[in-house]
Amino acid sequence: MTKQRRTFTPEFKREAACLVLDQGYSHAEAARSLGLVESALRRWVNQLQQERGGITPASKALTPEQQKIQELEARITRLEREKSILKKA
């Protein structure tokens, strides 16, 4: 029997990480109260700390600002590709 993998929204991940960073919960307390594996919560906390420091993550961003940056970077990449295709035509 296969165990189905749980998925979480960026908003949930951000709120979970904020419990540790802003509310003073320990990683273990927050993970236990949310029914999470502690290693996943630690990863989210580290990612949120980096995003707050201005580092854009490779994975899906947690903060709205970083999400907007990722969307704009993707748009720039798409437009540059379209531009190069039109130049070749």
PDB file of N, CA and C in Angstrom:
ATOM      1  N   MET A   1       0.843  -1.175   0.000  1.00  0.00           N
ATOM      2  CA  MET A   1       0.000   0.000   0.000  1.00  0.00           C
ATOM      3  C   MET A   1       0.890   1.240   0.000  1.00  0.00           C
ATOM      4  N   THR A   2       0.593   2.180  -0.857  1.00  0.00           N
ATOM      5  CA  THR A   2       1.413   3.379  -0.998  1.00  0.00           C
ATOM      6  C   THR A   2       0.858   4.497  -0.134  1.00  0.00           C
ATOM      7  N   LYS A   3       1.768   5.182   0.527  1.00  0.00           N
ATOM      8  CA  LYS A   3       1.358   6.327   1.336  1.00  0.00           C
ATOM      9  C   LYS A   3       1.384   7.562   0.449  1.00  0.00           C
ATOM     10  N   GLN A   4       0.274   8.314   0.451  1.00  0.00           N
ATOM     11  CA  GLN A   4       0.184   9.492  -0.399  1.00  0.00           C
ATOM     12  C   GLN A   4       0.975  10.643   0.227  1.00  0.00           C
ATOM     13  N   ARG A   5       1.719  11.337  -0.605  1.00  0.00           N
ATOM     14  CA  ARG A   5       2.554  12.447  -0.164  1.00  0.00           C
ATOM     15  C   ARG A   5       1.691  13.683   0.063  1.00  0.00           C
ATOM     16  N   ARG A   6       1.880  14.334   1.209  1.00  0.00           N
ATOM     17  CA  ARG A   6       1.128  15.547   1.515  1.00  0.00           C
ATOM     18  C   ARG A   6       1.788  16.747   0.847  1.00  0.00           C
ATOM     19  N   THR A   7       0.961  17.671   0.391  1.00  0.00           N
ATOM     20  CA  THR A   7       1.475  18.910  -0.185  1.00  0.00           C
ATOM     21  C   THR A   7       0.923  20.079   0.624  1.00  0.00           C
ATOM     22  N   PHE A   8       1.713  21.142   0.704  1.00  0.00           N
ATOM     23  CA  PHE A   8       1.339  22.305   1.496  1.00  0.00           C
ATOM     24  C   PHE A   8       1.466  23.559   0.643  1.00  0.00           C
ATOM     25  N   THR A   9       0.590  24.510   0.875  1.00  0.00           N
ATOM     26  CA  THR A   9       0.631  25.769   0.138  1.00  0.00           C
ATOM     27  C   THR A   9       1.783  26.623   0.661  1.00  0.00           C
ATOM     28  N   PRO A  10       2.269  27.546  -0.152  1.00  0.00           N
ATOM     29  CA  PRO A  10       3.312  28.460   0.336  1.00  0.00           C
ATOM     30  C   PRO A  10       2.856  29.263   1.557  1.00  0.00           C
ATOM     31  N   GLU A  11       1.567  29.590   1.621  1.00  0.00           N
ATOM     32  CA  GLU A  11       1.046  30.342   2.761  1.00  0.00           C
ATOM     33  C   GLU A  11       1.146  29.522   4.045  1.00  0.00           C
ATOM     34  N   PHE A  12       0.800  28.223   3.963  1.00  0.00           N
ATOM     35  CA  PHE A  12       0.899  27.353   5.130  1.00  0.00           C
ATOM     36  C   PHE A  12       2.350  27.231   5.581  1.00  0.00           C
ATOM     37  N   LYS A  13       3.252  27.050   4.621  1.00  0.00           N
ATOM     38  CA  LYS A  13       4.671  26.929   4.949  1.00  0.00           C
ATOM     39  C   LYS A  13       5.180  28.190   5.635  1.00  0.00           C
ATOM     40  N   ARG A  14       4.764  29.362   5.116  1.00  0.00           N
ATOM     41  CA  ARG A  14       5.189  30.632   5.701  1.00  0.00           C
ATOM     42  C   ARG A  14       4.664  30.766   7.127  1.00  0.00           C
ATOM     43  N   GLU A  15       3.392  30.423   7.345  1.00  0.00           N
ATOM     44  CA  GLU A  15       2.807  30.523   8.684  1.00  0.00           C
ATOM     45  C   GLU A  15       3.494  29.558   9.650  1.00  0.00           C
ATOM     46  N   ALA A  16       3.793  28.356   9.187  1.00  0.00           N
ATOM     47  CA  ALA A  16       4.477  27.382  10.038  1.00  0.00           C
ATOM     48  C   ALA A  16       5.868  27.878  10.417  1.00  0.00           C
ATOM     49  N   ALA A  17       6.596  28.436   9.454  1.00  0.00           N
ATOM     50  CA  ALA A  17       7.936  28.956   9.729  1.00  0.00           C
ATOM     51  C   ALA A  17       7.869  30.166  10.651  1.00  0.00           C
ATOM     52  N   CYS A  18       6.820  30.968  10.519  1.00  0.00           N
ATOM     53  CA  CYS A  18       6.664  32.143  11.391  1.00  0.00           C
ATOM     54  C   CYS A  18       6.442  31.742  12.844  1.00  0.00           C
ATOM     55  N   LEU A  19       5.840  30.577  13.075  1.00  0.00           N
ATOM     56  CA  LEU A  19       5.690  30.109  14.454  1.00  0.00           C
ATOM     57  C   LEU A  19       7.052  30.002  15.131  1.00  0.00           C
ATOM     58  N   VAL A  20       8.029  29.508  14.402  1.00  0.00           N
ATOM     59  CA  VAL A  20       9.372  29.336  14.960  1.00  0.00           C
ATOM     60  C   VAL A  20      10.105  30.672  15.023  1.00  0.00           C
ATOM     61  N   LEU A  21      10.084  31.422  13.925  1.00  0.00           N
ATOM     62  CA  LEU A  21      10.877  32.647  13.848  1.00  0.00           C
ATOM     63  C   LEU A  21      10.280  33.801  14.646  1.00  0.00           C
ATOM     64  N   ASP A  22       8.969  33.962  14.599  1.00  0.00           N
ATOM     65  CA  ASP A  22       8.343  35.138  15.199  1.00  0.00           C
ATOM     66  C   ASP A  22       7.662  34.864  16.538  1.00  0.00           C
ATOM     67  N   GLN A  23       7.127  33.661  16.711  1.00  0.00           N
ATOM     68  CA  GLN A  23       6.358  33.355  17.917  1.00  0.00           C
ATOM     69  C   GLN A  23       7.173  32.663  19.002  1.00  0.00           C
ATOM     70  N   GLY A  24       8.391  32.248  18.678  1.00  0.00           N
ATOM     71  CA  GLY A  24       9.260  31.652  19.691  1.00  0.00           C
ATOM     72  C   GLY A  24       9.051  30.170  19.951  1.00  0.00           C
ATOM     73  N   TYR A  25       8.306  29.484  19.109  1.00  0.00           N
ATOM     74  CA  TYR A  25       8.146  28.041  19.263  1.00  0.00           C
ATOM     75  C   TYR A  25       9.455  27.348  18.890  1.00  0.00           C
ATOM     76  N   SER A  26       9.693  26.194  19.493  1.00  0.00           N
ATOM     77  CA  SER A  26      10.833  25.394  19.048  1.00  0.00           C
ATOM     78  C   SER A  26      10.403  24.644  17.787  1.00  0.00           C
ATOM     79  N   HIS A  27      11.382  24.147  17.042  1.00  0.00           N
ATOM     80  CA  HIS A  27      11.060  23.383  15.834  1.00  0.00           C
ATOM     81  C   HIS A  27      10.189  22.174  16.185  1.00  0.00           C
ATOM     82  N   ALA A  28      10.548  21.489  17.271  1.00  0.00           N
ATOM     83  CA  ALA A  28       9.820  20.284  17.667  1.00  0.00           C
ATOM     84  C   ALA A  28       8.384  20.610  18.069  1.00  0.00           C
ATOM     85  N   GLU A  29       8.196  21.676  18.857  1.00  0.00           N
ATOM     86  CA  GLU A  29       6.845  22.059  19.294  1.00  0.00           C
ATOM     87  C   GLU A  29       5.953  22.415  18.109  1.00  0.00           C
ATOM     88  N   ALA A  30       6.472  23.243  17.222  1.00  0.00           N
ATOM     89  CA  ALA A  30       5.684  23.682  16.072  1.00  0.00           C
ATOM     90  C   ALA A  30       5.360  22.501  15.161  1.00  0.00           C
ATOM     91  N   ALA A  31       6.336  21.649  14.909  1.00  0.00           N
ATOM     92  CA  ALA A  31       6.110  20.487  14.040  1.00  0.00           C
ATOM     93  C   ALA A  31       5.063  19.560  14.646  1.00  0.00           C
ATOM     94  N   ARG A  32       5.160  19.315  15.935  1.00  0.00           N
ATOM     95  CA  ARG A  32       4.211  18.435  16.605  1.00  0.00           C
ATOM     96  C   ARG A  32       2.794  19.026  16.567  1.00  0.00           C
ATOM     97  N   SER A  33       2.671  20.328  16.841  1.00  0.00           N
ATOM     98  CA  SER A  33       1.341  20.942  16.870  1.00  0.00           C
ATOM     99  C   SER A  33       0.693  20.995  15.485  1.00  0.00           C
ATOM    100  N   LEU A  34       1.507  21.048  14.436  1.00  0.00           N
ATOM    101  CA  LEU A  34       0.974  21.108  13.072  1.00  0.00           C
ATOM    102  C   LEU A  34       0.916  19.741  12.391  1.00  0.00           C
ATOM    103  N   GLY A  35       1.426  18.718  13.064  1.00  0.00           N
ATOM    104  CA  GLY A  35       1.423  17.378  12.483  1.00  0.00           C
ATOM    105  C   GLY A  35       2.409  17.222  11.346  1.00  0.00           C
ATOM    106  N   LEU A  36       3.569  17.882  11.483  1.00  0.00           N
ATOM    107  CA  LEU A  36       4.593  17.865  10.440  1.00  0.00           C
ATOM    108  C   LEU A  36       5.810  17.075  10.884  1.00  0.00           C
ATOM    109  N   VAL A  37       6.629  16.734   9.922  1.00  0.00           N
ATOM    110  CA  VAL A  37       7.941  16.177  10.204  1.00  0.00           C
ATOM    111  C   VAL A  37       8.855  17.364  10.496  1.00  0.00           C
ATOM    112  N   GLU A  38       9.662  17.248  11.531  1.00  0.00           N
ATOM    113  CA  GLU A  38      10.508  18.366  11.952  1.00  0.00           C
ATOM    114  C   GLU A  38      11.483  18.806  10.865  1.00  0.00           C
ATOM    115  N   SER A  39      11.979  17.866  10.067  1.00  0.00           N
ATOM    116  CA  SER A  39      12.941  18.228   9.019  1.00  0.00           C
ATOM    117  C   SER A  39      12.305  19.132   7.958  1.00  0.00           C
ATOM    118  N   ALA A  40      11.039  18.907   7.639  1.00  0.00           N
ATOM    119  CA  ALA A  40      10.350  19.766   6.667  1.00  0.00           C
ATOM    120  C   ALA A  40      10.205  21.174   7.221  1.00  0.00           C
ATOM    121  N   LEU A  41       9.830  21.269   8.496  1.00  0.00           N
ATOM    122  CA  LEU A  41       9.677  22.583   9.117  1.00  0.00           C
ATOM    123  C   LEU A  41      11.011  23.318   9.164  1.00  0.00           C
ATOM    124  N   ARG A  42      12.082  22.615   9.477  1.00  0.00           N
ATOM    125  CA  ARG A  42      13.412  23.250   9.495  1.00  0.00           C
ATOM    126  C   ARG A  42      13.773  23.802   8.113  1.00  0.00           C
ATOM    127  N   ARG A  43      13.455  23.053   7.076  1.00  0.00           N
ATOM    128  CA  ARG A  43      13.730  23.497   5.704  1.00  0.00           C
ATOM    129  C   ARG A  43      12.943  24.771   5.390  1.00  0.00           C
ATOM    130  N   TRP A  44      11.673  24.816   5.802  1.00  0.00           N
ATOM    131  CA  TRP A  44      10.845  26.001   5.561  1.00  0.00           C
ATOM    132  C   TRP A  44      11.357  27.206   6.343  1.00  0.00           C
ATOM    133  N   VAL A  45      11.794  26.970   7.582  1.00  0.00           N
ATOM    134  CA  VAL A  45      12.328  28.062   8.410  1.00  0.00           C
ATOM    135  C   VAL A  45      13.589  28.625   7.763  1.00  0.00           C
ATOM    136  N   ASN A  46      14.484  27.752   7.325  1.00  0.00           N
ATOM    137  CA  ASN A  46      15.715  28.208   6.663  1.00  0.00           C
ATOM    138  C   ASN A  46      15.398  28.984   5.393  1.00  0.00           C
ATOM    139  N   GLN A  47      14.431  28.504   4.623  1.00  0.00           N
ATOM    140  CA  GLN A  47      14.059  29.188   3.387  1.00  0.00           C
ATOM    141  C   GLN A  47      13.487  30.568   3.693  1.00  0.00           C
ATOM    142  N   LEU A  48      12.634  30.675   4.710  1.00  0.00           N
ATOM    143  CA  LEU A  48      12.046  31.968   5.056  1.00  0.00           C
ATOM    144  C   LEU A  48      13.115  32.933   5.556  1.00  0.00           C
ATOM    145  N   GLN A  49      14.075  32.439   6.322  1.00  0.00           N
ATOM    146  CA  GLN A  49      15.173  33.296   6.783  1.00  0.00           C
ATOM    147  C   GLN A  49      15.955  33.843   5.592  1.00  0.00           C
ATOM    148  N   GLN A  50      16.231  32.995   4.605  1.00  0.00           N
ATOM    149  CA  GLN A  50      16.956  33.438   3.420  1.00  0.00           C
ATOM    150  C   GLN A  50      16.144  34.450   2.628  1.00  0.00           C
ATOM    151  N   GLU A  51      14.849  34.201   2.481  1.00  0.00           N
ATOM    152  CA  GLU A  51      14.001  35.135   1.742  1.00  0.00           C
ATOM    153  C   GLU A  51      13.935  36.486   2.439  1.00  0.00           C
ATOM    154  N   ARG A  52      13.855  36.470   3.755  1.00  0.00           N
ATOM    155  CA  ARG A  52      13.836  37.729   4.501  1.00  0.00           C
ATOM    156  C   ARG A  52      15.161  38.463   4.352  1.00  0.00           C
ATOM    157  N   GLY A  53      16.223  37.716   4.094  1.00  0.00           N
ATOM    158  CA  GLY A  53      17.529  38.311   3.862  1.00  0.00           C
ATOM    159  C   GLY A  53      17.725  38.776   2.429  1.00  0.00           C
ATOM    160  N   GLY A  54      16.733  38.551   1.580  1.00  0.00           N
ATOM    161  CA  GLY A  54      16.800  39.028   0.204  1.00  0.00           C
ATOM    162  C   GLY A  54      17.293  38.014  -0.805  1.00  0.00           C
ATOM    163  N   ILE A  55      17.484  36.775  -0.385  1.00  0.00           N
ATOM    164  CA  ILE A  55      17.966  35.734  -1.294  1.00  0.00           C
ATOM    165  C   ILE A  55      16.760  35.039  -1.926  1.00  0.00           C
ATOM    166  N   THR A  56      16.695  35.045  -3.241  1.00  0.00           N
ATOM    167  CA  THR A  56      15.600  34.389  -3.951  1.00  0.00           C
ATOM    168  C   THR A  56      15.852  32.887  -3.974  1.00  0.00           C
ATOM    169  N   PRO A  57      14.893  32.088  -3.514  1.00  0.00           N
ATOM    170  CA  PRO A  57      15.094  30.640  -3.465  1.00  0.00           C
ATOM    171  C   PRO A  57      14.930  29.986  -4.833  1.00  0.00           C
ATOM    172  N   ALA A  58      15.510  28.804  -4.969  1.00  0.00           N
ATOM    173  CA  ALA A  58      15.352  28.043  -6.209  1.00  0.00           C
ATOM    174  C   ALA A  58      13.976  27.384  -6.251  1.00  0.00           C
ATOM    175  N   SER A  59      13.454  27.019  -5.078  1.00  0.00           N
ATOM    176  CA  SER A  59      12.126  26.417  -5.022  1.00  0.00           C
ATOM    177  C   SER A  59      11.058  27.502  -4.947  1.00  0.00           C
ATOM    178  N   LYS A  60       9.819  27.103  -4.801  1.00  0.00           N
ATOM    179  CA  LYS A  60       8.712  28.064  -4.743  1.00  0.00           C
ATOM    180  C   LYS A  60       8.856  28.951  -3.514  1.00  0.00           C
ATOM    181  N   ALA A  61       8.767  30.246  -3.724  1.00  0.00           N
ATOM    182  CA  ALA A  61       8.973  31.230  -2.666  1.00  0.00           C
ATOM    183  C   ALA A  61       7.843  31.202  -1.641  1.00  0.00           C
ATOM    184  N   LEU A  62       8.175  31.608  -0.411  1.00  0.00           N
ATOM    185  CA  LEU A  62       7.193  31.662   0.658  1.00  0.00           C
ATOM    186  C   LEU A  62       6.621  33.060   0.844  1.00  0.00           C
ATOM    187  N   THR A  63       7.443  34.082   0.722  1.00  0.00           N
ATOM    188  CA  THR A  63       6.959  35.442   0.949  1.00  0.00           C
ATOM    189  C   THR A  63       6.353  36.006  -0.332  1.00  0.00           C
ATOM    190  N   PRO A  64       5.340  36.854  -0.200  1.00  0.00           N
ATOM    191  CA  PRO A  64       4.707  37.435  -1.394  1.00  0.00           C
ATOM    192  C   PRO A  64       5.693  38.206  -2.269  1.00  0.00           C
ATOM    193  N   GLU A  65       6.646  38.886  -1.649  1.00  0.00           N
ATOM    194  CA  GLU A  65       7.626  39.649  -2.417  1.00  0.00           C
ATOM    195  C   GLU A  65       8.488  38.729  -3.274  1.00  0.00           C
ATOM    196  N   GLN A  66       8.958  37.644  -2.682  1.00  0.00           N
ATOM    197  CA  GLN A  66       9.789  36.699  -3.419  1.00  0.00           C
ATOM    198  C   GLN A  66       8.973  35.980  -4.498  1.00  0.00           C
ATOM    199  N   GLN A  67       7.682  35.716  -4.226  1.00  0.00           N
ATOM    200  CA  GLN A  67       6.826  35.108  -5.239  1.00  0.00           C
ATOM    201  C   GLN A  67       6.704  36.031  -6.444  1.00  0.00           C
ATOM    202  N   LYS A  68       6.533  37.322  -6.196  1.00  0.00           N
ATOM    203  CA  LYS A  68       6.422  38.301  -7.277  1.00  0.00           C
ATOM    204  C   LYS A  68       7.728  38.360  -8.075  1.00  0.00           C
ATOM    205  N   ILE A  69       8.864  38.326  -7.378  1.00  0.00           N
ATOM    206  CA  ILE A  69      10.162  38.340  -8.052  1.00  0.00           C
ATOM    207  C   ILE A  69      10.285  37.126  -8.967  1.00  0.00           C
ATOM    208  N   GLN A  70       9.899  35.948  -8.472  1.00  0.00           N
ATOM    209  CA  GLN A  70       9.979  34.743  -9.291  1.00  0.00           C
ATOM    210  C   GLN A  70       9.072  34.839 -10.518  1.00  0.00           C
ATOM    211  N   GLU A  71       7.865  35.384 -10.338  1.00  0.00           N
ATOM    212  CA  GLU A  71       6.952  35.547 -11.472  1.00  0.00           C
ATOM    213  C   GLU A  71       7.550  36.486 -12.515  1.00  0.00           C
ATOM    214  N   LEU A  72       8.125  37.595 -12.063  1.00  0.00           N
ATOM    215  CA  LEU A  72       8.708  38.563 -12.989  1.00  0.00           C
ATOM    216  C   LEU A  72       9.930  37.996 -13.705  1.00  0.00           C
ATOM    217  N   GLU A  73      10.761  37.230 -12.980  1.00  0.00           N
ATOM    218  CA  GLU A  73      11.925  36.609 -13.613  1.00  0.00           C
ATOM    219  C   GLU A  73      11.487  35.611 -14.684  1.00  0.00           C
ATOM    220  N   ALA A  74      10.432  34.855 -14.398  1.00  0.00           N
ATOM    221  CA  ALA A  74       9.922  33.902 -15.386  1.00  0.00           C
ATOM    222  C   ALA A  74       9.385  34.637 -16.613  1.00  0.00           C
ATOM    223  N   ARG A  75       8.722  35.755 -16.378  1.00  0.00           N
ATOM    224  CA  ARG A  75       8.186  36.550 -17.495  1.00  0.00           C
ATOM    225  C   ARG A  75       9.321  37.115 -18.353  1.00  0.00           C
ATOM    226  N   ILE A  76      10.362  37.616 -17.703  1.00  0.00           N
ATOM    227  CA  ILE A  76      11.519  38.152 -18.436  1.00  0.00           C
ATOM    228  C   ILE A  76      12.140  37.060 -19.299  1.00  0.00           C
ATOM    229  N   THR A  77      12.322  35.883 -18.722  1.00  0.00           N
ATOM    230  CA  THR A  77      12.909  34.763 -19.461  1.00  0.00           C
ATOM    231  C   THR A  77      12.059  34.415 -20.679  1.00  0.00           C
ATOM    232  N   ARG A  78      10.735  34.359 -20.478  1.00  0.00           N
ATOM    233  CA  ARG A  78       9.836  34.034 -21.587  1.00  0.00           C
ATOM    234  C   ARG A  78       9.908  35.094 -22.682  1.00  0.00           C
ATOM    235  N   LEU A  79       9.913  36.370 -22.296  1.00  0.00           N
ATOM    236  CA  LEU A  79       9.966  37.453 -23.277  1.00  0.00           C
ATOM    237  C   LEU A  79      11.294  37.467 -24.033  1.00  0.00           C
ATOM    238  N   GLU A  80      12.394  37.171 -23.338  1.00  0.00           N
ATOM    239  CA  GLU A  80      13.696  37.110 -24.008  1.00  0.00           C
ATOM    240  C   GLU A  80      13.726  35.975 -25.025  1.00  0.00           C
ATOM    241  N   ARG A  81      13.106  34.839 -24.683  1.00  0.00           N
ATOM    242  CA  ARG A  81      13.022  33.724 -25.619  1.00  0.00           C
ATOM    243  C   ARG A  81      12.216  34.109 -26.854  1.00  0.00           C
ATOM    244  N   GLU A  82      11.074  34.767 -26.624  1.00  0.00           N
ATOM    245  CA  GLU A  82      10.247  35.210 -27.746  1.00  0.00           C
ATOM    246  C   GLU A  82      11.005  36.197 -28.626  1.00  0.00           C
ATOM    247  N   LYS A  83      11.748  37.086 -28.006  1.00  0.00           N
ATOM    248  CA  LYS A  83      12.524  38.089 -28.748  1.00  0.00           C
ATOM    249  C   LYS A  83      13.573  37.410 -29.628  1.00  0.00           C
ATOM    250  N   SER A  84      14.269  36.419 -29.079  1.00  0.00           N
ATOM    251  CA  SER A  84      15.301  35.739 -29.865  1.00  0.00           C
ATOM    252  C   SER A  84      14.686  34.954 -31.023  1.00  0.00           C
ATOM    253  N   ILE A  85      13.496  34.405 -30.816  1.00  0.00           N
ATOM    254  CA  ILE A  85      12.813  33.687 -31.896  1.00  0.00           C
ATOM    255  C   ILE A  85      12.435  34.651 -33.010  1.00  0.00           C
ATOM    256  N   LEU A  86      11.928  35.824 -32.627  1.00  0.00           N
ATOM    257  CA  LEU A  86      11.531  36.814 -33.629  1.00  0.00           C
ATOM    258  C   LEU A  86      12.737  37.353 -34.395  1.00  0.00           C
ATOM    259  N   LYS A  87      13.887  37.472 -33.732  1.00  0.00           N
ATOM    260  CA  LYS A  87      15.098  37.940 -34.412  1.00  0.00           C
ATOM    261  C   LYS A  87      15.533  36.952 -35.486  1.00  0.00           C
ATOM    262  N   LYS A  88      15.364  35.664 -35.208  1.00  0.00           N
ATOM    263  CA  LYS A  88      15.773  34.631 -36.152  1.00  0.00           C
ATOM    264  C   LYS A  88      14.836  34.556 -37.347  1.00  0.00           C
ATOM    265  N   ALA A  89      13.609  35.018 -37.183  1.00  0.00           N
ATOM    266  CA  ALA A  89      12.606  34.918 -38.263  1.00  0.00           C
ATOM    267  C   ALA A  89      12.857  35.894 -39.383  1.00  0.00           C
TER     268      ALA A  89
END
